[in-house]
Amino acid sequence: MEQTIDPTLGPVLARTGDERAVLTSFLDFHRAVLLRKLRGLSDADARRRLVPSATTLLGLVKHLSMVERNWFPTLLAPEPGDVYLTSEEDAVASFLLSDEESVAGVVEAYERACTRSREIVASVDLDHVVPHPQLGEVSVRWILVHLIEETARHAGHADILRELTDGECGAL
């Protein structure tokens, strides 16, 4: 039996698009996969630690909110007071949840960060280069590829955590 790929998926729709369309569609696809891993979970289940590290489903989304803010607004459209986070402590803290944080609130913050990222990326050329505190310089193209990699990697972690939570599995 021949399997077909959902023709409405962003990366499928962009398969003959220009470079920007391909890159942004893959990033948006992985952003959406990550959020779907939270669908139907209680706050308690989304916060549950199932691995030795502090990584949780909800913590992954919170972390990626920081990643979005760090790479897009802070580097490409900084506002007064923006600081690019580089320390291991900042990275670890970005996964940690306060008692007040909920699925709804963390998802809303992530969606806001992604919306802001999309606005910024749409306003600059892929060849635009900015200084980076650790790498010297990076292009918008490089940032997009890095965010695709980072988001896809964490969406894979979310796949595993969701399966450990309630047995739900699947690429989407």
C-alpha atoms as a PDB file:
ATOM      1  CA  MET A   1       0.000   0.000   0.000  1.00  0.00           C
ATOM      2  CA  GLU A   2       1.464   3.337  -1.031  1.00  0.00           C
ATOM      3  CA  GLN A   3       1.720   5.946   1.702  1.00  0.00           C
ATOM      4  CA  THR A   4       1.200   9.566   0.830  1.00  0.00           C
ATOM      5  CA  ILE A   5       2.568  12.616   2.536  1.00  0.00           C
ATOM      6  CA  ASP A   6       0.044  15.164   3.764  1.00  0.00           C
ATOM      7  CA  PRO A   7       0.102  17.777   0.997  1.00  0.00           C
ATOM      8  CA  THR A   8      -0.964  20.535   3.396  1.00  0.00           C
ATOM      9  CA  LEU A   9       2.206  20.360   5.515  1.00  0.00           C
ATOM     10  CA  GLY A  10       4.223  23.557   5.213  1.00  0.00           C
ATOM     11  CA  PRO A  11       7.435  21.902   4.025  1.00  0.00           C
ATOM     12  CA  VAL A  12       5.490  20.010   1.363  1.00  0.00           C
ATOM     13  CA  LEU A  13       3.777  23.185   0.192  1.00  0.00           C
ATOM     14  CA  ALA A  14       7.164  24.953   0.018  1.00  0.00           C
ATOM     15  CA  ARG A  15       8.934  22.119  -1.828  1.00  0.00           C
ATOM     16  CA  THR A  16       9.469  24.304  -4.902  1.00  0.00           C
ATOM     17  CA  GLY A  17       9.533  27.637  -3.073  1.00  0.00           C
ATOM     18  CA  ASP A  18      12.410  29.997  -2.675  1.00  0.00           C
ATOM     19  CA  GLU A  19      14.996  29.556   0.044  1.00  0.00           C
ATOM     20  CA  ARG A  20      13.189  31.737   2.594  1.00  0.00           C
ATOM     21  CA  ALA A  21       9.919  29.843   2.083  1.00  0.00           C
ATOM     22  CA  VAL A  22      11.661  26.485   2.534  1.00  0.00           C
ATOM     23  CA  LEU A  23      13.586  27.533   5.639  1.00  0.00           C
ATOM     24  CA  THR A  24      10.677  29.232   7.383  1.00  0.00           C
ATOM     25  CA  SER A  25       8.236  26.437   6.556  1.00  0.00           C
ATOM     26  CA  PHE A  26      10.526  23.821   8.091  1.00  0.00           C
ATOM     27  CA  LEU A  27      11.005  25.944  11.217  1.00  0.00           C
ATOM     28  CA  ASP A  28       7.258  26.526  11.548  1.00  0.00           C
ATOM     29  CA  PHE A  29       6.619  22.808  11.024  1.00  0.00           C
ATOM     30  CA  HIS A  30       8.901  21.841  13.913  1.00  0.00           C
ATOM     31  CA  ARG A  31       7.467  24.601  16.113  1.00  0.00           C
ATOM     32  CA  ALA A  32       3.981  23.158  15.526  1.00  0.00           C
ATOM     33  CA  VAL A  33       5.108  19.565  16.165  1.00  0.00           C
ATOM     34  CA  LEU A  34       6.553  20.641  19.513  1.00  0.00           C
ATOM     35  CA  LEU A  35       3.290  22.286  20.560  1.00  0.00           C
ATOM     36  CA  ARG A  36       1.217  19.295  19.437  1.00  0.00           C
ATOM     37  CA  LYS A  37       3.139  17.147  21.911  1.00  0.00           C
ATOM     38  CA  LEU A  38       1.401  19.086  24.705  1.00  0.00           C
ATOM     39  CA  ARG A  39      -2.094  18.653  23.264  1.00  0.00           C
ATOM     40  CA  GLY A  40      -4.465  17.060  25.755  1.00  0.00           C
ATOM     41  CA  LEU A  41      -2.011  16.969  28.659  1.00  0.00           C
ATOM     42  CA  SER A  42      -2.711  18.324  32.102  1.00  0.00           C
ATOM     43  CA  ASP A  43      -0.283  20.799  33.630  1.00  0.00           C
ATOM     44  CA  ALA A  44       0.934  18.016  35.925  1.00  0.00           C
ATOM     45  CA  ASP A  45       1.642  15.643  33.030  1.00  0.00           C
ATOM     46  CA  ALA A  46       3.379  18.357  30.997  1.00  0.00           C
ATOM     47  CA  ARG A  47       5.623  19.157  33.990  1.00  0.00           C
ATOM     48  CA  ARG A  48       6.412  15.547  34.875  1.00  0.00           C
ATOM     49  CA  ARG A  49      10.111  14.643  34.977  1.00  0.00           C
ATOM     50  CA  LEU A  50      10.651  11.320  33.224  1.00  0.00           C
ATOM     51  CA  VAL A  51      14.415  11.507  32.657  1.00  0.00           C
ATOM     52  CA  PRO A  52      17.273  12.212  35.083  1.00  0.00           C
ATOM     53  CA  SER A  53      17.723  15.791  33.837  1.00  0.00           C
ATOM     54  CA  ALA A  54      15.244  18.599  34.515  1.00  0.00           C
ATOM     55  CA  THR A  55      13.860  18.196  30.979  1.00  0.00           C
ATOM     56  CA  THR A  56      10.062  18.083  30.799  1.00  0.00           C
ATOM     57  CA  LEU A  57       7.626  18.575  27.949  1.00  0.00           C
ATOM     58  CA  LEU A  58       6.644  21.997  29.238  1.00  0.00           C
ATOM     59  CA  GLY A  59      10.254  22.862  30.028  1.00  0.00           C
ATOM     60  CA  LEU A  60      11.211  22.180  26.408  1.00  0.00           C
ATOM     61  CA  VAL A  61       8.677  24.747  25.227  1.00  0.00           C
ATOM     62  CA  LYS A  62       9.864  27.275  27.801  1.00  0.00           C
ATOM     63  CA  HIS A  63      13.477  26.694  26.730  1.00  0.00           C
ATOM     64  CA  LEU A  64      12.622  27.215  23.073  1.00  0.00           C
ATOM     65  CA  SER A  65      10.903  30.502  23.953  1.00  0.00           C
ATOM     66  CA  MET A  66      14.249  31.703  25.295  1.00  0.00           C
ATOM     67  CA  VAL A  67      16.021  30.361  22.194  1.00  0.00           C
ATOM     68  CA  GLU A  68      13.624  32.249  19.900  1.00  0.00           C
ATOM     69  CA  ARG A  69      14.128  35.500  21.834  1.00  0.00           C
ATOM     70  CA  ASN A  70      17.889  35.021  22.046  1.00  0.00           C
ATOM     71  CA  TRP A  71      18.469  34.405  18.346  1.00  0.00           C
ATOM     72  CA  PHE A  72      15.936  36.638  16.638  1.00  0.00           C
ATOM     73  CA  PRO A  73      15.040  39.795  18.604  1.00  0.00           C
ATOM     74  CA  THR A  74      18.204  39.997  20.691  1.00  0.00           C
ATOM     75  CA  LEU A  75      20.558  39.546  17.737  1.00  0.00           C
ATOM     76  CA  LEU A  76      18.559  40.998  14.847  1.00  0.00           C
ATOM     77  CA  ALA A  77      16.348  43.669  16.430  1.00  0.00           C
ATOM     78  CA  PRO A  78      17.669  44.365  19.918  1.00  0.00           C
ATOM     79  CA  GLU A  79      15.897  46.715  22.249  1.00  0.00           C
ATOM     80  CA  PRO A  80      17.556  48.595  25.113  1.00  0.00           C
ATOM     81  CA  GLY A  81      18.470  46.165  27.855  1.00  0.00           C
ATOM     82  CA  ASP A  82      18.440  43.034  25.665  1.00  0.00           C
ATOM     83  CA  VAL A  83      21.291  40.722  26.603  1.00  0.00           C
ATOM     84  CA  TYR A  84      22.298  37.663  24.598  1.00  0.00           C
ATOM     85  CA  LEU A  85      22.328  34.722  27.028  1.00  0.00           C
ATOM     86  CA  THR A  86      25.460  32.605  26.718  1.00  0.00           C
ATOM     87  CA  SER A  87      26.081  30.851  30.012  1.00  0.00           C
ATOM     88  CA  GLU A  88      25.414  27.240  30.872  1.00  0.00           C
ATOM     89  CA  GLU A  89      23.428  28.509  33.857  1.00  0.00           C
ATOM     90  CA  ASP A  90      21.126  30.481  31.546  1.00  0.00           C
ATOM     91  CA  ALA A  91      20.605  27.397  29.383  1.00  0.00           C
ATOM     92  CA  VAL A  92      19.761  25.174  32.365  1.00  0.00           C
ATOM     93  CA  ALA A  93      17.477  27.813  33.898  1.00  0.00           C
ATOM     94  CA  SER A  94      15.531  28.137  30.649  1.00  0.00           C
ATOM     95  CA  PHE A  95      14.093  24.635  31.188  1.00  0.00           C
ATOM     96  CA  LEU A  96      13.003  25.233  34.793  1.00  0.00           C
ATOM     97  CA  LEU A  97       9.390  25.994  35.623  1.00  0.00           C
ATOM     98  CA  SER A  98       7.983  28.041  38.470  1.00  0.00           C
ATOM     99  CA  ASP A  99       4.965  26.755  40.360  1.00  0.00           C
ATOM    100  CA  GLU A 100       2.834  29.452  38.695  1.00  0.00           C
ATOM    101  CA  GLU A 101       3.657  28.474  35.107  1.00  0.00           C
ATOM    102  CA  SER A 102       1.012  26.510  33.221  1.00  0.00           C
ATOM    103  CA  VAL A 103       0.740  24.851  29.828  1.00  0.00           C
ATOM    104  CA  ALA A 104      -1.469  27.702  28.613  1.00  0.00           C
ATOM    105  CA  GLY A 105       0.928  30.412  29.786  1.00  0.00           C
ATOM    106  CA  VAL A 106       4.107  28.767  28.516  1.00  0.00           C
ATOM    107  CA  VAL A 107       2.488  27.990  25.148  1.00  0.00           C
ATOM    108  CA  GLU A 108       1.261  31.572  24.861  1.00  0.00           C
ATOM    109  CA  ALA A 109       4.762  32.905  25.586  1.00  0.00           C
ATOM    110  CA  TYR A 110       6.246  30.557  22.975  1.00  0.00           C
ATOM    111  CA  GLU A 111       3.686  31.562  20.366  1.00  0.00           C
ATOM    112  CA  ARG A 112       4.417  35.255  21.053  1.00  0.00           C
ATOM    113  CA  ALA A 113       8.153  34.620  20.713  1.00  0.00           C
ATOM    114  CA  CYS A 114       7.627  32.752  17.429  1.00  0.00           C
ATOM    115  CA  THR A 115       5.392  35.510  16.061  1.00  0.00           C
ATOM    116  CA  ARG A 116       8.030  38.122  16.887  1.00  0.00           C
ATOM    117  CA  SER A 117      10.716  35.945  15.297  1.00  0.00           C
ATOM    118  CA  ARG A 118       8.672  35.599  12.099  1.00  0.00           C
ATOM    119  CA  GLU A 119       8.193  39.385  11.915  1.00  0.00           C
ATOM    120  CA  ILE A 120      11.905  40.023  12.313  1.00  0.00           C
ATOM    121  CA  VAL A 121      12.996  37.364   9.824  1.00  0.00           C
ATOM    122  CA  ALA A 122      10.531  38.670   7.234  1.00  0.00           C
ATOM    123  CA  SER A 123      12.097  42.130   7.508  1.00  0.00           C
ATOM    124  CA  VAL A 124      15.738  41.197   6.838  1.00  0.00           C
ATOM    125  CA  ASP A 125      17.644  39.637   3.985  1.00  0.00           C
ATOM    126  CA  LEU A 126      18.927  36.082   4.459  1.00  0.00           C
ATOM    127  CA  ASP A 127      22.448  37.360   3.733  1.00  0.00           C
ATOM    128  CA  HIS A 128      22.226  39.976   6.494  1.00  0.00           C
ATOM    129  CA  VAL A 129      25.093  39.419   8.945  1.00  0.00           C
ATOM    130  CA  VAL A 130      25.140  40.420  12.610  1.00  0.00           C
ATOM    131  CA  PRO A 131      27.763  40.174  15.326  1.00  0.00           C
ATOM    132  CA  HIS A 132      27.451  37.196  17.670  1.00  0.00           C
ATOM    133  CA  PRO A 133      29.116  37.209  21.105  1.00  0.00           C
ATOM    134  CA  GLN A 134      30.562  33.697  20.724  1.00  0.00           C
ATOM    135  CA  LEU A 135      30.733  33.005  16.984  1.00  0.00           C
ATOM    136  CA  GLY A 136      31.942  36.330  15.636  1.00  0.00           C
ATOM    137  CA  GLU A 137      29.345  36.878  12.940  1.00  0.00           C
ATOM    138  CA  VAL A 138      26.290  34.957  11.757  1.00  0.00           C
ATOM    139  CA  SER A 139      23.907  35.414   8.849  1.00  0.00           C
ATOM    140  CA  VAL A 140      20.139  35.324   9.091  1.00  0.00           C
ATOM    141  CA  ARG A 141      20.302  32.209   6.897  1.00  0.00           C
ATOM    142  CA  TRP A 142      22.610  30.523   9.443  1.00  0.00           C
ATOM    143  CA  ILE A 143      20.329  31.537  12.324  1.00  0.00           C
ATOM    144  CA  LEU A 144      17.316  30.008  10.565  1.00  0.00           C
ATOM    145  CA  VAL A 145      19.141  26.729   9.916  1.00  0.00           C
ATOM    146  CA  HIS A 146      20.363  26.659  13.525  1.00  0.00           C
ATOM    147  CA  LEU A 147      16.812  27.241  14.830  1.00  0.00           C
ATOM    148  CA  ILE A 148      15.461  24.483  12.580  1.00  0.00           C
ATOM    149  CA  GLU A 149      18.071  22.122  14.044  1.00  0.00           C
ATOM    150  CA  GLU A 150      17.481  23.227  17.643  1.00  0.00           C
ATOM    151  CA  THR A 151      13.685  23.085  17.394  1.00  0.00           C
ATOM    152  CA  ALA A 152      13.666  19.736  15.573  1.00  0.00           C
ATOM    153  CA  ARG A 153      16.047  18.259  18.136  1.00  0.00           C
ATOM    154  CA  HIS A 154      13.810  19.309  21.003  1.00  0.00           C
ATOM    155  CA  ALA A 155      10.671  18.188  19.151  1.00  0.00           C
ATOM    156  CA  GLY A 156      12.337  14.757  19.040  1.00  0.00           C
ATOM    157  CA  HIS A 157      12.893  14.923  22.784  1.00  0.00           C
ATOM    158  CA  ALA A 158       9.223  15.852  23.141  1.00  0.00           C
ATOM    159  CA  ASP A 159       8.250  12.787  21.060  1.00  0.00           C
ATOM    160  CA  ILE A 160       9.986  10.545  23.567  1.00  0.00           C
ATOM    161  CA  LEU A 161       8.689  12.353  26.648  1.00  0.00           C
ATOM    162  CA  ARG A 162       5.122  12.262  25.354  1.00  0.00           C
ATOM    163  CA  GLU A 163       5.377   8.529  24.683  1.00  0.00           C
ATOM    164  CA  LEU A 164       6.717   8.011  28.216  1.00  0.00           C
ATOM    165  CA  THR A 165       3.891  10.166  29.621  1.00  0.00           C
ATOM    166  CA  ASP A 166       0.858   8.432  28.159  1.00  0.00           C
ATOM    167  CA  GLY A 167       1.961   6.199  25.276  1.00  0.00           C
ATOM    168  CA  GLU A 168       0.969   8.732  22.623  1.00  0.00           C
ATOM    169  CA  CYS A 169       3.426   8.641  19.756  1.00  0.00           C
ATOM    170  CA  GLY A 170       3.780   9.757  16.201  1.00  0.00           C
ATOM    171  CA  ALA A 171       5.732  12.185  14.063  1.00  0.00           C
ATOM    172  CA  LEU A 172       2.984  14.766  14.272  1.00  0.00           C
END
